[in-house]
Amino acid sequence: MPKTLRWATVCLSVVAVACIVVVVLGVFAGPADPTEIERSESGGSGTAVIAGLITAIVQLVLCTFVRAGRGSARVLLTLTAACIGVMLLLAGVSALVEYADQSDWAARVGGVVEWTGAGIASLVLSGLAAIFTVVGIVLLYLPSTNAYFAEVRRLRLGPLPGELEA
């Protein structure tokens, strides 16, 4: 297995774990104000939490299949990684916009809004996960990785039509 594939699966596994952490932080470090809890529960965020966790777990499983040289798993891993990367990027942007809105409102009434540790951790993880997603996907399709998948396919299925056997 080439180092590029090893690093790609490590990067994408880190993204999946970061997604799980961000989802858990969002659930357990949510608003303490009861009116905020009522408002956030009415939006159906439970479905998004379950979908995020399932997608992250599927991505971890796909990383193991990709290491074994499964080309179809590489395509599915690319799709799940892109979904998780976009989801985490949007979560980070949403957190920044929400903070800006709350800061604007607090400034009008003479208050200050402070970031919580969970909010900062979630924002940092979201940004790093977006970067790792891009790096992981690029590494999945480098020439050395493509050669590995072609060789595994050739060993499993035999030569492709039109190829000369050596």
C-alpha atoms as a PDB file:
ATOM      1  CA  MET A   1       0.000   0.000   0.000  1.00  0.00           C
ATOM      2  CA  PRO A   2       1.476   3.370  -0.964  1.00  0.00           C
ATOM      3  CA  LYS A   3       2.108   6.037   1.655  1.00  0.00           C
ATOM      4  CA  THR A   4      -0.294   8.378  -0.140  1.00  0.00           C
ATOM      5  CA  LEU A   5      -3.162   5.955   0.410  1.00  0.00           C
ATOM      6  CA  ARG A   6      -2.165   5.434   4.022  1.00  0.00           C
ATOM      7  CA  TRP A   7      -2.129   9.191   4.628  1.00  0.00           C
ATOM      8  CA  ALA A   8      -5.405   9.660   2.750  1.00  0.00           C
ATOM      9  CA  THR A   9      -7.200   7.143   4.941  1.00  0.00           C
ATOM     10  CA  VAL A  10      -5.642   8.618   8.085  1.00  0.00           C
ATOM     11  CA  CYS A  11      -6.803  12.116   7.086  1.00  0.00           C
ATOM     12  CA  LEU A  12     -10.308  10.940   6.271  1.00  0.00           C
ATOM     13  CA  SER A  13     -10.521   8.887   9.465  1.00  0.00           C
ATOM     14  CA  VAL A  14      -9.548  11.997  11.435  1.00  0.00           C
ATOM     15  CA  VAL A  15     -12.343  13.873   9.638  1.00  0.00           C
ATOM     16  CA  ALA A  16     -14.858  11.183  10.621  1.00  0.00           C
ATOM     17  CA  VAL A  17     -13.750  11.296  14.263  1.00  0.00           C
ATOM     18  CA  ALA A  18     -13.876  15.115  14.201  1.00  0.00           C
ATOM     19  CA  CYS A  19     -17.426  14.887  12.863  1.00  0.00           C
ATOM     20  CA  ILE A  20     -18.403  12.626  15.755  1.00  0.00           C
ATOM     21  CA  VAL A  21     -16.792  15.022  18.250  1.00  0.00           C
ATOM     22  CA  VAL A  22     -18.503  18.068  16.727  1.00  0.00           C
ATOM     23  CA  VAL A  23     -21.879  16.301  16.800  1.00  0.00           C
ATOM     24  CA  VAL A  24     -21.386  15.233  20.417  1.00  0.00           C
ATOM     25  CA  LEU A  25     -20.259  18.741  21.391  1.00  0.00           C
ATOM     26  CA  GLY A  26     -23.334  20.146  19.682  1.00  0.00           C
ATOM     27  CA  VAL A  27     -25.605  17.800  21.614  1.00  0.00           C
ATOM     28  CA  PHE A  28     -24.046  18.008  25.071  1.00  0.00           C
ATOM     29  CA  ALA A  29     -22.734  21.567  25.006  1.00  0.00           C
ATOM     30  CA  GLY A  30     -25.963  23.014  23.686  1.00  0.00           C
ATOM     31  CA  PRO A  31     -27.814  26.014  25.086  1.00  0.00           C
ATOM     32  CA  ALA A  32     -28.467  26.087  28.830  1.00  0.00           C
ATOM     33  CA  ASP A  33     -31.445  28.454  28.527  1.00  0.00           C
ATOM     34  CA  PRO A  34     -34.718  26.436  28.522  1.00  0.00           C
ATOM     35  CA  THR A  35     -36.266  28.674  25.843  1.00  0.00           C
ATOM     36  CA  GLU A  36     -33.300  27.981  23.561  1.00  0.00           C
ATOM     37  CA  ILE A  37     -33.685  24.231  24.130  1.00  0.00           C
ATOM     38  CA  GLU A  38     -37.361  24.356  23.173  1.00  0.00           C
ATOM     39  CA  ARG A  39     -36.579  26.344  20.056  1.00  0.00           C
ATOM     40  CA  SER A  40     -33.718  24.058  18.973  1.00  0.00           C
ATOM     41  CA  GLU A  41     -35.681  20.818  19.565  1.00  0.00           C
ATOM     42  CA  SER A  42     -38.593  21.946  17.431  1.00  0.00           C
ATOM     43  CA  GLY A  43     -36.309  22.112  14.371  1.00  0.00           C
ATOM     44  CA  GLY A  44     -35.774  18.347  14.130  1.00  0.00           C
ATOM     45  CA  SER A  45     -32.041  18.459  14.851  1.00  0.00           C
ATOM     46  CA  GLY A  46     -32.157  14.865  16.124  1.00  0.00           C
ATOM     47  CA  THR A  47     -32.316  13.594  12.567  1.00  0.00           C
ATOM     48  CA  ALA A  48     -29.245  15.636  11.622  1.00  0.00           C
ATOM     49  CA  VAL A  49     -27.344  14.279  14.626  1.00  0.00           C
ATOM     50  CA  ILE A  50     -28.176  10.662  13.738  1.00  0.00           C
ATOM     51  CA  ALA A  51     -27.345  11.239  10.049  1.00  0.00           C
ATOM     52  CA  GLY A  52     -24.010  12.840  10.955  1.00  0.00           C
ATOM     53  CA  LEU A  53     -23.057   9.981  13.262  1.00  0.00           C
ATOM     54  CA  ILE A  54     -24.055   7.309  10.749  1.00  0.00           C
ATOM     55  CA  THR A  55     -22.163   9.029   7.929  1.00  0.00           C
ATOM     56  CA  ALA A  56     -19.044   9.328  10.100  1.00  0.00           C
ATOM     57  CA  ILE A  57     -19.191   5.646  11.053  1.00  0.00           C
ATOM     58  CA  VAL A  58     -19.709   4.655   7.399  1.00  0.00           C
ATOM     59  CA  GLN A  59     -16.684   6.762   6.476  1.00  0.00           C
ATOM     60  CA  LEU A  60     -14.531   4.950   9.048  1.00  0.00           C
ATOM     61  CA  VAL A  61     -15.620   1.579   7.631  1.00  0.00           C
ATOM     62  CA  LEU A  62     -14.969   2.731   4.069  1.00  0.00           C
ATOM     63  CA  CYS A  63     -11.441   3.774   5.041  1.00  0.00           C
ATOM     64  CA  THR A  64     -10.670   0.146   5.914  1.00  0.00           C
ATOM     65  CA  PHE A  65     -12.117  -1.091   2.610  1.00  0.00           C
ATOM     66  CA  VAL A  66     -10.104   1.485   0.678  1.00  0.00           C
ATOM     67  CA  ARG A  67      -6.905   0.303   2.347  1.00  0.00           C
ATOM     68  CA  ALA A  68      -7.726  -3.177   1.007  1.00  0.00           C
ATOM     69  CA  GLY A  69      -7.785  -1.767  -2.537  1.00  0.00           C
ATOM     70  CA  ARG A  70     -11.530  -1.697  -3.186  1.00  0.00           C
ATOM     71  CA  GLY A  71     -12.130   0.854  -5.950  1.00  0.00           C
ATOM     72  CA  SER A  72     -15.865   1.142  -5.313  1.00  0.00           C
ATOM     73  CA  ALA A  73     -15.130   1.940  -1.669  1.00  0.00           C
ATOM     74  CA  ARG A  74     -12.818   4.726  -2.849  1.00  0.00           C
ATOM     75  CA  VAL A  75     -15.687   6.326  -4.768  1.00  0.00           C
ATOM     76  CA  LEU A  76     -18.081   5.992  -1.820  1.00  0.00           C
ATOM     77  CA  LEU A  77     -15.406   7.318   0.542  1.00  0.00           C
ATOM     78  CA  THR A  78     -14.970  10.339  -1.694  1.00  0.00           C
ATOM     79  CA  LEU A  79     -18.719  11.013  -1.558  1.00  0.00           C
ATOM     80  CA  THR A  80     -19.028  10.596   2.209  1.00  0.00           C
ATOM     81  CA  ALA A  81     -15.898  12.662   2.815  1.00  0.00           C
ATOM     82  CA  ALA A  82     -17.246  15.454   0.638  1.00  0.00           C
ATOM     83  CA  CYS A  83     -20.585  15.360   2.485  1.00  0.00           C
ATOM     84  CA  ILE A  84     -18.946  15.438   5.906  1.00  0.00           C
ATOM     85  CA  GLY A  85     -16.479  18.126   4.834  1.00  0.00           C
ATOM     86  CA  VAL A  86     -19.247  20.372   3.524  1.00  0.00           C
ATOM     87  CA  MET A  87     -21.389  19.667   6.591  1.00  0.00           C
ATOM     88  CA  LEU A  88     -18.572  20.600   8.978  1.00  0.00           C
ATOM     89  CA  LEU A  89     -17.661  23.671   6.949  1.00  0.00           C
ATOM     90  CA  LEU A  90     -21.277  24.841   7.038  1.00  0.00           C
ATOM     91  CA  ALA A  91     -21.442  24.129  10.775  1.00  0.00           C
ATOM     92  CA  GLY A  92     -18.391  26.339  11.311  1.00  0.00           C
ATOM     93  CA  VAL A  93     -19.782  29.144   9.166  1.00  0.00           C
ATOM     94  CA  SER A  94     -23.130  28.835  10.940  1.00  0.00           C
ATOM     95  CA  ALA A  95     -21.410  29.119  14.338  1.00  0.00           C
ATOM     96  CA  LEU A  96     -19.574  32.258  13.221  1.00  0.00           C
ATOM     97  CA  VAL A  97     -22.757  33.840  11.853  1.00  0.00           C
ATOM     98  CA  GLU A  98     -24.673  32.985  15.017  1.00  0.00           C
ATOM     99  CA  TYR A  99     -21.903  34.473  17.156  1.00  0.00           C
ATOM    100  CA  ALA A 100     -21.934  37.650  15.046  1.00  0.00           C
ATOM    101  CA  ASP A 101     -25.719  37.935  15.371  1.00  0.00           C
ATOM    102  CA  GLN A 102     -25.601  37.408  19.118  1.00  0.00           C
ATOM    103  CA  SER A 103     -22.728  39.891  19.477  1.00  0.00           C
ATOM    104  CA  ASP A 104     -24.665  42.482  17.497  1.00  0.00           C
ATOM    105  CA  TRP A 105     -27.753  41.978  19.645  1.00  0.00           C
ATOM    106  CA  ALA A 106     -25.701  42.050  22.854  1.00  0.00           C
ATOM    107  CA  ALA A 107     -23.963  45.260  21.781  1.00  0.00           C
ATOM    108  CA  ARG A 108     -27.346  46.945  21.308  1.00  0.00           C
ATOM    109  CA  VAL A 109     -28.447  46.066  24.831  1.00  0.00           C
ATOM    110  CA  GLY A 110     -25.066  46.719  26.418  1.00  0.00           C
ATOM    111  CA  GLY A 111     -23.932  43.114  26.930  1.00  0.00           C
ATOM    112  CA  VAL A 112     -21.136  40.919  25.701  1.00  0.00           C
ATOM    113  CA  VAL A 113     -21.283  37.455  24.195  1.00  0.00           C
ATOM    114  CA  GLU A 114     -18.394  35.172  25.057  1.00  0.00           C
ATOM    115  CA  TRP A 115     -17.325  32.031  23.260  1.00  0.00           C
ATOM    116  CA  THR A 116     -17.556  28.820  25.231  1.00  0.00           C
ATOM    117  CA  GLY A 117     -14.801  26.234  25.161  1.00  0.00           C
ATOM    118  CA  ALA A 118     -17.091  23.838  23.304  1.00  0.00           C
ATOM    119  CA  GLY A 119     -17.874  26.507  20.714  1.00  0.00           C
ATOM    120  CA  ILE A 120     -14.221  27.236  20.069  1.00  0.00           C
ATOM    121  CA  ALA A 121     -13.350  23.533  19.909  1.00  0.00           C
ATOM    122  CA  SER A 122     -16.208  22.885  17.504  1.00  0.00           C
ATOM    123  CA  LEU A 123     -15.166  25.778  15.271  1.00  0.00           C
ATOM    124  CA  VAL A 124     -11.497  24.718  15.197  1.00  0.00           C
ATOM    125  CA  LEU A 125     -12.394  21.084  14.507  1.00  0.00           C
ATOM    126  CA  SER A 126     -14.734  22.137  11.710  1.00  0.00           C
ATOM    127  CA  GLY A 127     -12.028  24.181  10.019  1.00  0.00           C
ATOM    128  CA  LEU A 128      -9.362  21.513  10.394  1.00  0.00           C
ATOM    129  CA  ALA A 129     -11.749  18.821   9.167  1.00  0.00           C
ATOM    130  CA  ALA A 130     -12.486  20.820   6.017  1.00  0.00           C
ATOM    131  CA  ILE A 131      -8.750  21.090   5.320  1.00  0.00           C
ATOM    132  CA  PHE A 132      -8.146  17.388   6.053  1.00  0.00           C
ATOM    133  CA  THR A 133     -11.047  16.458   3.766  1.00  0.00           C
ATOM    134  CA  VAL A 134      -9.493  18.240   0.808  1.00  0.00           C
ATOM    135  CA  VAL A 135      -6.058  16.754   1.532  1.00  0.00           C
ATOM    136  CA  GLY A 136      -7.504  13.246   1.951  1.00  0.00           C
ATOM    137  CA  ILE A 137      -9.506  13.366  -1.264  1.00  0.00           C
ATOM    138  CA  VAL A 138      -6.529  14.674  -3.243  1.00  0.00           C
ATOM    139  CA  LEU A 139      -4.313  11.908  -1.843  1.00  0.00           C
ATOM    140  CA  LEU A 140      -6.916   9.289  -2.832  1.00  0.00           C
ATOM    141  CA  TYR A 141      -6.448  10.110  -6.507  1.00  0.00           C
ATOM    142  CA  LEU A 142      -2.703  10.650  -6.886  1.00  0.00           C
ATOM    143  CA  PRO A 143      -0.917   8.507  -9.515  1.00  0.00           C
ATOM    144  CA  SER A 144       0.708   6.182  -6.965  1.00  0.00           C
ATOM    145  CA  THR A 145      -2.676   5.509  -5.362  1.00  0.00           C
ATOM    146  CA  ASN A 146      -4.278   4.942  -8.760  1.00  0.00           C
ATOM    147  CA  ALA A 147      -1.524   2.448  -9.618  1.00  0.00           C
ATOM    148  CA  TYR A 148      -2.186   0.567  -6.367  1.00  0.00           C
ATOM    149  CA  PHE A 149      -5.908   0.269  -7.123  1.00  0.00           C
ATOM    150  CA  ALA A 150      -5.169  -0.848 -10.698  1.00  0.00           C
ATOM    151  CA  GLU A 151      -2.771  -3.516  -9.451  1.00  0.00           C
ATOM    152  CA  VAL A 152      -5.221  -4.814  -6.840  1.00  0.00           C
ATOM    153  CA  ARG A 153      -7.951  -4.928  -9.480  1.00  0.00           C
ATOM    154  CA  ARG A 154      -5.638  -6.749 -11.903  1.00  0.00           C
ATOM    155  CA  LEU A 155      -4.711  -9.320  -9.236  1.00  0.00           C
ATOM    156  CA  ARG A 156      -8.346  -9.861  -8.287  1.00  0.00           C
ATOM    157  CA  LEU A 157      -9.978  -9.894 -11.735  1.00  0.00           C
ATOM    158  CA  GLY A 158      -7.151 -10.589 -14.152  1.00  0.00           C
ATOM    159  CA  PRO A 159      -5.985  -8.336 -16.970  1.00  0.00           C
ATOM    160  CA  LEU A 160      -8.413  -5.902 -18.514  1.00  0.00           C
ATOM    161  CA  PRO A 161      -9.583  -6.529 -22.075  1.00  0.00           C
ATOM    162  CA  GLY A 162      -6.982  -5.210 -24.477  1.00  0.00           C
ATOM    163  CA  GLU A 163      -4.082  -5.555 -22.024  1.00  0.00           C
ATOM    164  CA  LEU A 164      -1.206  -7.810 -22.966  1.00  0.00           C
ATOM    165  CA  GLU A 165      -0.427 -10.532 -20.500  1.00  0.00           C
ATOM    166  CA  ALA A 166       3.200 -10.731 -19.473  1.00  0.00           C
END
